[in-house]
Amino acid sequence: MSKNIPKNDLMEKIVNLCKRRGLIFPSSEIYGGTGSVWDYGPYGALLKNNVKMLWWRDMIQFRDDMVPQDSSILMHPKVWEASGHISSFTDPLVECKKCHHRFREDHILEGKYGNVVGKGGKVVCPDCGGEMTESKMFNLMFKTFMGPMEDSAHAVYLRPETAQGIFANFKAILEVARKKLPFGIAQIGKSFRNEITPGNFTFRTREFEQMEIEYFVKPDEAEKWYDKWIKIREKWYRDYGVKKDNLRLRKHAKKELAHYAKGATDIEYHFPFGWSELEGIANRQDYDLKQHEKFSGHDMKYFEEEGMKKYYPYVIEPSGGVDRAALAFLVDAYNENEQGEVFLRLDPRLSPIKIAVFPLVNKEKLPNIAHDIYDELKQNWFVQYDDGGSVGRRYRRQDEIGTPYCVTVDFDTPKKNTVTVRERDSMKQERVKIKELLDYFKGKLSK
């Protein structure tokens, strides 16, 4: 039986679990940490990789209308001129004159820090009540220099999104992939934004990983594909364990839309800190290809053989964060029983470790048999061998990292050639023949 956990306690519990069990650590913690940058430990790296592999499989491998790419983080600075990032990728920044903490002005005005109006109706610092500076626009891109000279001629930027690498390569990929509309180019990769107010664990960070698709369509079919991709992407989260009640769609009002967008819809998730964007789907129209043609001088139009005409395709963009997806899966999977024991009820396809193998005791033939089973199973899945402490403690450790199955080699194993298989969620145990284990788990885990 699961215990009902208040939302305001849940985030702290997840953060503690992630650190205790090697899922996620603060970056450079031995030096005091780096603000809102996180390292994924052994189990976190496996979880995050599973999120990426499932997206890659479902969005690219299983589709005939999608091709992958991997563009570079450092790109020609004119890419960001063409996209508008240099001139308009900004947030309004205010700073407290007393404590020098910085905030996004729009977040203060939206009431995200509560009532921050002081005497005379002036906005004051949410942290200390001090006077705030006038707002100024702050560009979110990280700027660096390529080569030995640190001057404007050698300035480059860490990409704030993966999308522009796809647009810049559109014609090259079109030529080699020989695709016809509609088709998409998909990429998973790191992006960087110098956020003024990062926070909420891995939800908003300065270094993050995106799963992004630019889906090129005929202009008169854009609305149809926009609606299709909203449904495809919402269903994907539900298919891997996100509860339906924790997802909702929020269509952007006209005043919210980016300058390039005809429409945009957020898939929002009910995080412990409230409803927030998990993924965005946008109709970017033909803005990006036109801009890159204008700034590069290269023809970015699509040639349609059937109609013998050239035009700019419209683009539908489903763009989600790997880190946000992993966090949402963790939140929905977190359970405690009445004794306070943690069960991370992840979909087995997401679980970092699929199977744990235990010898009941470290004597007689049991460890040898357990090692043989472990060696066979690890050829197919990530499997963990654990012989430390009581079997009960070993079960608890595996439950906390979401391992769906545990195999125990006990005193009956040498005589009957069977083992005990214990399932995480039901805690049901059954005897399975050793020679049938591989097929048993293929039936359970190979979806």
Protein backbone atom coordinates (compact mmCIF):
# COMPACT_ATOMS: atom_id res chain seq x y z
CA MET A 1 0.00 0.00 0.00
CA SER A 2 1.43 3.40 -1.00
CA LYS A 3 1.51 6.35 1.33
CA ASN A 4 0.11 9.69 0.11
CA ILE A 5 3.03 12.16 0.00
CA PRO A 6 2.29 15.92 0.12
CA LYS A 7 3.56 17.72 -2.99
CA ASN A 8 5.67 20.16 -0.98
CA ASP A 9 7.57 17.22 0.61
CA LEU A 10 7.92 15.16 -2.56
CA MET A 11 10.61 17.25 -4.24
CA GLU A 12 12.88 17.15 -1.20
CA LYS A 13 12.42 13.38 -0.95
CA ILE A 14 13.33 12.90 -4.62
CA VAL A 15 16.42 15.11 -4.35
CA ASN A 16 17.57 13.15 -1.28
CA LEU A 17 16.94 9.80 -3.00
CA CYS A 18 18.85 10.92 -6.10
CA LYS A 19 21.89 11.84 -4.05
CA ARG A 20 21.72 8.83 -1.72
CA ARG A 21 21.36 6.26 -4.48
CA GLY A 22 23.67 7.70 -7.10
CA LEU A 23 21.11 9.12 -9.50
CA ILE A 24 21.97 12.84 -9.56
CA PHE A 25 24.61 14.89 -7.71
CA PRO A 26 25.41 18.62 -7.57
CA SER A 27 28.23 19.31 -10.03
CA SER A 28 31.67 20.00 -8.51
CA GLU A 29 30.23 19.44 -5.04
CA ILE A 30 33.65 19.04 -3.41
CA TYR A 31 34.28 22.69 -4.37
CA GLY A 32 30.94 23.96 -3.15
CA GLY A 33 29.00 23.17 -6.31
CA THR A 34 28.18 25.06 -9.49
CA GLY A 35 24.87 26.87 -9.58
CA SER A 36 22.11 24.73 -11.07
CA VAL A 37 24.42 22.31 -12.86
CA TRP A 38 24.03 18.62 -12.11
CA ASP A 39 25.97 15.41 -12.66
CA TYR A 40 24.21 12.10 -13.29
CA GLY A 41 25.68 9.25 -11.27
CA PRO A 42 25.76 5.55 -12.22
CA TYR A 43 22.01 4.95 -12.03
CA GLY A 44 21.03 8.43 -13.18
CA ALA A 45 23.18 8.10 -16.29
CA LEU A 46 21.43 4.82 -17.13
CA LEU A 47 17.98 6.33 -16.54
CA LYS A 48 18.77 9.37 -18.69
CA ASN A 49 20.22 7.18 -21.42
CA ASN A 50 17.08 5.03 -21.39
CA VAL A 51 14.93 8.16 -21.89
CA LYS A 52 17.07 9.11 -24.88
CA MET A 53 17.17 5.63 -26.36
CA LEU A 54 13.38 5.23 -26.15
CA TRP A 55 12.83 8.63 -27.78
CA TRP A 56 15.40 7.74 -30.45
CA ARG A 57 13.72 4.39 -31.08
CA ASP A 58 10.14 5.70 -31.16
CA MET A 59 10.73 8.99 -32.96
CA ILE A 60 13.39 7.89 -35.47
CA GLN A 61 13.99 4.14 -35.73
CA PHE A 62 10.30 3.19 -35.87
CA ARG A 63 9.37 5.96 -38.33
CA ASP A 64 10.05 6.02 -42.06
CA ASP A 65 9.69 9.81 -42.25
CA MET A 66 12.52 10.72 -39.84
CA VAL A 67 16.31 10.93 -40.06
CA PRO A 68 18.82 11.73 -37.30
CA GLN A 69 21.69 14.19 -37.14
CA ASP A 70 24.21 15.42 -34.58
CA SER A 71 25.25 19.03 -35.16
CA SER A 72 28.08 20.79 -33.35
CA ILE A 73 27.73 22.89 -30.22
CA LEU A 74 29.96 25.66 -31.61
CA MET A 75 28.55 27.14 -34.82
CA HIS A 76 29.28 30.15 -36.99
CA PRO A 77 28.04 33.26 -35.15
CA LYS A 78 25.98 34.29 -38.18
CA VAL A 79 23.72 31.31 -37.41
CA TRP A 80 22.60 33.16 -34.28
CA GLU A 81 22.24 36.45 -36.14
CA ALA A 82 19.96 34.77 -38.67
CA SER A 83 17.88 33.07 -35.97
CA GLY A 84 17.45 36.29 -33.99
CA HIS A 85 19.18 34.99 -30.87
CA ILE A 86 21.83 37.71 -30.77
CA SER A 87 19.31 40.53 -30.99
CA SER A 88 16.31 39.15 -29.13
CA PHE A 89 17.19 36.09 -27.00
CA THR A 90 16.94 38.12 -23.80
CA ASP A 91 15.19 38.26 -20.44
CA PRO A 92 14.56 41.38 -18.32
CA LEU A 93 17.01 41.39 -15.39
CA VAL A 94 16.71 43.30 -12.10
CA GLU A 95 19.19 43.27 -9.23
CA CYS A 96 18.79 44.03 -5.54
CA LYS A 97 20.95 46.99 -4.49
CA LYS A 98 21.32 45.51 -0.99
CA CYS A 99 21.98 41.76 -1.36
CA HIS A 100 22.81 41.84 -5.10
CA HIS A 101 20.58 38.86 -5.88
CA ARG A 102 19.28 38.90 -9.45
CA PHE A 103 15.82 38.04 -10.73
CA ARG A 104 13.81 37.99 -13.91
CA GLU A 105 11.55 41.02 -13.72
CA ASP A 106 8.67 39.24 -15.46
CA HIS A 107 8.76 36.45 -12.84
CA ILE A 108 8.50 39.03 -10.05
CA LEU A 109 5.60 40.80 -11.74
CA GLU A 110 3.82 37.47 -12.35
CA GLY A 111 3.88 36.83 -8.60
CA LYS A 112 6.18 33.79 -8.64
CA TYR A 113 7.90 35.11 -5.48
CA GLY A 114 4.69 36.13 -3.72
CA ASN A 115 3.82 39.71 -2.80
CA VAL A 116 6.98 41.81 -3.31
CA VAL A 117 5.42 45.28 -3.29
CA GLY A 118 6.92 47.56 -0.66
CA LYS A 119 6.15 51.07 0.56
CA GLY A 120 5.06 53.46 -2.11
CA GLY A 121 4.02 50.60 -4.37
CA LYS A 122 7.57 49.84 -5.48
CA VAL A 123 8.74 46.29 -6.17
CA VAL A 124 11.28 45.14 -3.56
CA CYS A 125 13.72 42.20 -3.40
CA PRO A 126 11.95 38.90 -2.66
CA ASP A 127 14.93 37.78 -0.53
CA CYS A 128 15.74 40.80 1.66
CA GLY A 129 13.22 43.53 0.86
CA GLY A 130 15.88 45.81 -0.58
CA GLU A 131 15.48 48.31 -3.39
CA MET A 132 15.69 46.93 -6.93
CA THR A 133 17.55 48.40 -9.89
CA GLU A 134 15.88 49.36 -13.15
CA SER A 135 15.49 46.38 -15.45
CA LYS A 136 17.87 45.74 -18.31
CA MET A 137 17.78 43.13 -21.05
CA PHE A 138 20.15 40.22 -20.52
CA ASN A 139 21.17 37.89 -23.37
CA LEU A 140 20.96 34.25 -22.32
CA MET A 141 23.65 32.89 -24.63
CA PHE A 142 27.05 31.91 -23.25
CA LYS A 143 29.72 33.77 -25.18
CA THR A 144 33.30 32.59 -25.65
CA PHE A 145 36.15 33.03 -28.14
CA MET A 146 37.57 30.73 -30.77
CA GLY A 147 41.33 30.87 -31.19
CA PRO A 148 43.92 32.87 -29.23
CA MET A 149 42.35 36.34 -29.60
CA GLU A 150 39.59 37.51 -27.28
CA ASP A 151 37.91 40.11 -29.47
CA SER A 152 34.60 40.51 -31.29
CA ALA A 153 35.99 39.02 -34.50
CA HIS A 154 36.62 35.71 -32.72
CA ALA A 155 33.43 35.57 -30.63
CA VAL A 156 31.36 32.40 -30.74
CA TYR A 157 28.46 31.11 -28.66
CA LEU A 158 27.50 27.88 -26.95
CA ARG A 159 24.29 26.94 -28.72
CA PRO A 160 21.10 27.75 -26.78
CA GLU A 161 19.13 25.18 -28.80
CA THR A 162 19.76 22.35 -31.23
CA ALA A 163 17.16 23.54 -33.76
CA GLN A 164 19.40 25.92 -35.71
CA GLY A 165 21.91 23.15 -36.43
CA ILE A 166 19.07 21.28 -38.11
CA PHE A 167 17.97 24.28 -40.19
CA ALA A 168 21.53 25.05 -41.28
CA ASN A 169 21.92 21.44 -42.49
CA PHE A 170 18.49 21.17 -44.10
CA LYS A 171 19.60 21.18 -47.75
CA ALA A 172 22.62 18.92 -47.14
CA ILE A 173 20.45 16.33 -45.36
CA LEU A 174 17.70 16.62 -47.96
CA GLU A 175 20.21 15.74 -50.67
CA VAL A 176 21.72 12.67 -48.97
CA ALA A 177 18.56 11.33 -47.26
CA ARG A 178 16.43 11.70 -50.44
CA LYS A 179 13.28 12.33 -48.43
CA LYS A 180 10.06 13.90 -49.67
CA LEU A 181 7.73 16.08 -47.61
CA PRO A 182 6.59 15.48 -44.98
CA PHE A 183 9.76 14.38 -43.19
CA GLY A 184 11.67 15.27 -40.07
CA ILE A 185 15.22 15.74 -38.86
CA ALA A 186 15.75 14.77 -35.23
CA GLN A 187 18.57 15.39 -32.79
CA ILE A 188 19.46 14.87 -29.14
CA GLY A 189 22.13 17.20 -27.85
CA LYS A 190 23.39 19.59 -25.20
CA SER A 191 22.28 23.21 -25.10
CA PHE A 192 23.31 26.06 -22.83
CA ARG A 193 21.41 29.05 -21.47
CA ASN A 194 22.71 31.52 -18.94
CA GLU A 195 19.46 31.52 -16.97
CA ILE A 196 18.97 34.38 -14.52
CA THR A 197 16.88 32.31 -12.11
CA PRO A 198 17.53 28.59 -12.58
CA GLY A 199 16.22 26.15 -10.01
CA ASN A 200 13.77 23.41 -9.04
CA PHE A 201 16.45 20.73 -9.19
CA THR A 202 17.02 19.62 -12.81
CA PHE A 203 13.96 21.42 -14.19
CA ARG A 204 15.67 24.69 -15.13
CA THR A 205 19.44 24.53 -15.52
CA ARG A 206 22.16 26.33 -17.43
CA GLU A 207 23.35 23.16 -19.17
CA PHE A 208 20.70 20.75 -20.40
CA GLU A 209 19.96 18.18 -23.07
CA GLN A 210 17.25 18.52 -25.71
CA MET A 211 15.28 16.00 -27.75
CA GLU A 212 14.26 18.07 -30.74
CA ILE A 213 12.53 17.44 -34.06
CA GLU A 214 12.11 19.81 -36.99
CA TYR A 215 9.35 18.30 -39.11
CA PHE A 216 9.14 19.81 -42.62
CA VAL A 217 5.69 19.89 -44.24
CA LYS A 218 3.80 21.46 -47.09
CA PRO A 219 2.48 24.86 -45.93
CA ASP A 220 -1.17 23.86 -46.41
CA GLU A 221 -0.64 20.75 -44.23
CA ALA A 222 1.04 22.52 -41.32
CA GLU A 223 -2.03 22.72 -39.08
CA LYS A 224 -2.81 19.04 -39.58
CA TRP A 225 0.73 18.00 -38.59
CA TYR A 226 0.83 20.48 -35.71
CA ASP A 227 -2.22 18.76 -34.19
CA LYS A 228 -0.79 15.29 -34.92
CA TRP A 229 2.52 15.99 -33.20
CA ILE A 230 0.80 17.30 -30.07
CA LYS A 231 -1.04 13.98 -29.76
CA ILE A 232 2.06 11.88 -30.59
CA ARG A 233 4.23 13.58 -28.00
CA GLU A 234 1.61 13.64 -25.21
CA LYS A 235 0.97 9.93 -25.73
CA TRP A 236 4.71 9.17 -25.56
CA TYR A 237 4.94 10.38 -21.95
CA ARG A 238 1.87 8.41 -20.96
CA ASP A 239 3.21 5.27 -22.63
CA TYR A 240 6.21 5.28 -20.27
CA GLY A 241 4.41 5.86 -17.02
CA VAL A 242 3.37 9.49 -16.63
CA LYS A 243 -0.10 9.60 -15.11
CA LYS A 244 -2.76 11.14 -17.31
CA ASP A 245 -3.91 13.48 -14.52
CA ASN A 246 -0.38 14.92 -14.30
CA LEU A 247 -0.37 16.04 -17.94
CA ARG A 248 -2.23 18.87 -19.60
CA LEU A 249 -2.02 20.90 -22.80
CA ARG A 250 -1.70 24.67 -22.71
CA LYS A 251 -2.09 26.59 -25.94
CA HIS A 252 -0.13 29.85 -26.10
CA ALA A 253 -2.12 33.06 -26.38
CA LYS A 254 -1.24 35.31 -29.32
CA LYS A 255 0.70 37.72 -27.12
CA GLU A 256 2.87 34.83 -25.85
CA LEU A 257 3.89 33.52 -29.25
CA ALA A 258 7.49 33.81 -30.37
CA HIS A 259 8.00 36.08 -33.37
CA TYR A 260 8.42 33.08 -35.69
CA ALA A 261 5.46 31.02 -34.48
CA LYS A 262 1.95 30.79 -35.86
CA GLY A 263 0.95 28.55 -32.97
CA ALA A 264 2.48 26.85 -29.93
CA THR A 265 1.24 24.35 -27.35
CA ASP A 266 3.01 23.26 -24.19
CA ILE A 267 2.68 19.79 -22.75
CA GLU A 268 2.70 20.68 -19.07
CA TYR A 269 3.41 18.35 -16.17
CA HIS A 270 2.27 18.74 -12.58
CA PHE A 271 5.65 18.87 -10.86
CA PRO A 272 5.82 19.16 -7.05
CA PHE A 273 6.42 22.91 -7.57
CA GLY A 274 3.38 23.32 -9.84
CA TRP A 275 2.35 23.00 -13.48
CA SER A 276 5.31 23.67 -15.78
CA GLU A 277 6.38 23.01 -19.35
CA LEU A 278 7.60 19.51 -20.13
CA GLU A 279 7.72 19.92 -23.90
CA GLY A 280 6.67 22.50 -26.47
CA ILE A 281 5.23 21.93 -29.94
CA ALA A 282 5.38 24.93 -32.27
CA ASN A 283 4.37 25.79 -35.82
CA ARG A 284 7.47 27.79 -36.81
CA GLN A 285 6.12 28.45 -40.32
CA ASP A 286 8.94 29.11 -42.85
CA TYR A 287 10.76 31.71 -40.76
CA ASP A 288 14.01 29.84 -40.14
CA LEU A 289 14.74 28.65 -43.66
CA LYS A 290 14.03 32.15 -45.03
CA GLN A 291 16.34 33.71 -42.47
CA HIS A 292 19.21 31.32 -43.19
CA GLU A 293 18.82 31.88 -46.91
CA LYS A 294 18.93 35.65 -46.35
CA PHE A 295 22.05 35.57 -44.15
CA SER A 296 23.98 32.79 -45.92
CA GLY A 297 23.07 33.44 -49.54
CA HIS A 298 22.30 29.74 -50.04
CA ASP A 299 19.01 28.61 -51.54
CA MET A 300 17.03 26.92 -48.76
CA LYS A 301 13.88 26.13 -50.76
CA TYR A 302 12.47 22.65 -51.27
CA PHE A 303 11.97 21.43 -54.86
CA GLU A 304 8.80 19.47 -55.41
CA GLU A 305 9.18 17.22 -58.43
CA GLU A 306 5.47 16.44 -58.77
CA GLY A 307 4.49 20.06 -59.16
CA MET A 308 7.84 21.20 -60.56
CA LYS A 309 7.98 24.09 -58.10
CA LYS A 310 10.19 25.43 -55.32
CA TYR A 311 9.01 26.74 -51.99
CA TYR A 312 9.91 27.02 -48.32
CA PRO A 313 8.42 24.19 -46.24
CA TYR A 314 6.69 24.99 -42.99
CA VAL A 315 8.18 23.47 -39.86
CA ILE A 316 6.49 21.79 -36.90
CA GLU A 317 8.84 21.57 -33.92
CA PRO A 318 8.33 19.16 -31.00
CA SER A 319 11.05 20.16 -28.52
CA GLY A 320 11.49 18.50 -25.13
CA GLY A 321 14.15 18.29 -22.46
CA VAL A 322 15.81 15.02 -21.52
CA ASP A 323 16.37 16.26 -17.96
CA ARG A 324 12.77 17.42 -17.55
CA ALA A 325 11.45 14.14 -18.93
CA ALA A 326 13.66 12.12 -16.56
CA LEU A 327 12.52 14.28 -13.64
CA ALA A 328 8.84 13.79 -14.53
CA PHE A 329 9.31 10.02 -14.75
CA LEU A 330 11.04 10.07 -11.35
CA VAL A 331 8.25 12.11 -9.75
CA ASP A 332 5.50 9.83 -11.03
CA ALA A 333 7.45 6.70 -10.09
CA TYR A 334 8.21 7.72 -6.49
CA ASN A 335 6.25 5.70 -3.91
CA GLU A 336 6.55 5.00 -0.20
CA ASN A 337 4.79 2.25 1.73
CA GLU A 338 3.37 2.73 5.20
CA GLN A 339 6.75 1.83 6.71
CA GLY A 340 8.42 4.65 4.74
CA GLU A 341 10.23 2.25 2.39
CA VAL A 342 10.81 3.75 -1.06
CA PHE A 343 9.71 2.04 -4.27
CA LEU A 344 10.69 3.74 -7.52
CA ARG A 345 7.99 2.26 -9.74
CA LEU A 346 9.58 3.13 -13.06
CA ASP A 347 8.43 1.53 -16.26
CA PRO A 348 10.91 -1.38 -16.67
CA ARG A 349 12.02 0.11 -20.00
CA LEU A 350 13.23 3.17 -18.09
CA SER A 351 14.70 1.38 -15.07
CA PRO A 352 18.50 1.85 -14.76
CA ILE A 353 19.02 -1.79 -13.71
CA LYS A 354 16.66 -4.37 -15.14
CA ILE A 355 17.60 -7.37 -12.97
CA ALA A 356 19.55 -7.85 -9.74
CA VAL A 357 21.11 -11.23 -8.94
CA PHE A 358 21.73 -12.33 -5.34
CA PRO A 359 23.30 -15.39 -3.74
CA LEU A 360 21.34 -16.02 -0.54
CA VAL A 361 24.63 -16.51 1.33
CA ASN A 362 28.27 -16.29 0.31
CA LYS A 363 29.12 -19.95 0.78
CA GLU A 364 28.81 -23.37 -0.79
CA LYS A 365 28.03 -23.21 -4.52
CA LEU A 366 25.60 -20.30 -4.36
CA PRO A 367 27.95 -17.44 -5.40
CA ASN A 368 29.29 -19.46 -8.34
CA ILE A 369 25.80 -20.21 -9.63
CA ALA A 370 24.75 -16.56 -9.11
CA HIS A 371 27.79 -15.32 -11.03
CA ASP A 372 27.00 -17.66 -13.93
CA ILE A 373 23.42 -16.34 -14.08
CA TYR A 374 24.66 -12.75 -13.86
CA ASP A 375 27.18 -13.30 -16.68
CA GLU A 376 24.49 -14.70 -18.96
CA LEU A 377 21.82 -12.08 -18.27
CA LYS A 378 24.16 -9.07 -18.59
CA GLN A 379 24.68 -9.92 -22.28
CA ASN A 380 21.15 -8.63 -22.81
CA TRP A 381 20.43 -6.06 -20.10
CA PHE A 382 22.07 -3.95 -17.41
CA VAL A 383 22.19 -6.38 -14.49
CA GLN A 384 23.63 -5.91 -11.00
CA TYR A 385 25.25 -8.54 -8.79
CA ASP A 386 24.75 -7.83 -5.08
CA ASP A 387 25.92 -10.01 -2.18
CA GLY A 388 26.13 -7.39 0.59
CA GLY A 389 23.92 -7.66 3.67
CA SER A 390 20.66 -9.52 4.15
CA VAL A 391 18.43 -10.31 1.18
CA GLY A 392 15.82 -7.95 2.63
CA ARG A 393 18.29 -5.04 2.59
CA ARG A 394 19.30 -5.94 -0.94
CA TYR A 395 15.66 -5.86 -2.04
CA ARG A 396 15.27 -2.41 -0.49
CA ARG A 397 18.31 -1.06 -2.35
CA GLN A 398 16.97 -2.33 -5.66
CA ASP A 399 13.46 -1.02 -4.98
CA GLU A 400 14.90 2.45 -4.39
CA ILE A 401 16.56 2.58 -7.81
CA GLY A 402 13.58 1.05 -9.58
CA THR A 403 14.91 -2.42 -10.43
CA PRO A 404 11.86 -4.42 -11.59
CA TYR A 405 13.20 -7.95 -10.96
CA CYS A 406 15.47 -9.64 -8.43
CA VAL A 407 16.83 -13.18 -8.78
CA THR A 408 17.85 -15.03 -5.60
CA VAL A 409 20.01 -18.14 -5.67
CA ASP A 410 19.08 -20.12 -2.54
CA PHE A 411 19.72 -23.54 -0.97
CA ASP A 412 17.19 -25.25 -3.27
CA THR A 413 18.94 -23.97 -6.39
CA PRO A 414 21.74 -26.60 -6.60
CA LYS A 415 19.22 -29.42 -6.07
CA LYS A 416 16.36 -28.22 -8.30
CA ASN A 417 18.13 -25.87 -10.74
CA THR A 418 15.57 -23.18 -9.97
CA VAL A 419 15.82 -19.67 -8.51
CA THR A 420 13.40 -17.25 -6.86
CA VAL A 421 12.35 -14.30 -9.05
CA ARG A 422 10.79 -11.41 -7.17
CA GLU A 423 8.81 -8.67 -8.96
CA ARG A 424 9.16 -5.13 -7.62
CA ASP A 425 5.62 -3.75 -7.77
CA SER A 426 3.57 -6.77 -6.66
CA MET A 427 6.40 -8.26 -4.56
CA LYS A 428 5.23 -11.61 -5.92
CA GLN A 429 7.86 -14.38 -5.92
CA GLU A 430 7.97 -17.39 -8.21
CA ARG A 431 10.34 -20.26 -8.90
CA VAL A 432 11.87 -20.25 -12.38
CA LYS A 433 14.23 -22.81 -13.90
CA ILE A 434 17.71 -21.44 -14.52
CA LYS A 435 17.71 -22.64 -18.13
CA GLU A 436 14.45 -20.72 -18.73
CA LEU A 437 15.54 -17.41 -17.17
CA LEU A 438 16.69 -15.79 -20.41
CA ASP A 439 13.39 -16.44 -22.19
CA TYR A 440 11.47 -15.49 -19.03
CA PHE A 441 13.03 -12.02 -18.91
CA LYS A 442 12.85 -11.54 -22.67
CA GLY A 443 9.11 -11.94 -22.32
CA LYS A 444 8.99 -9.47 -19.44
CA LEU A 445 11.50 -6.83 -20.61
CA SER A 446 11.62 -6.91 -24.39
CA LYS A 447 8.74 -4.62 -25.31
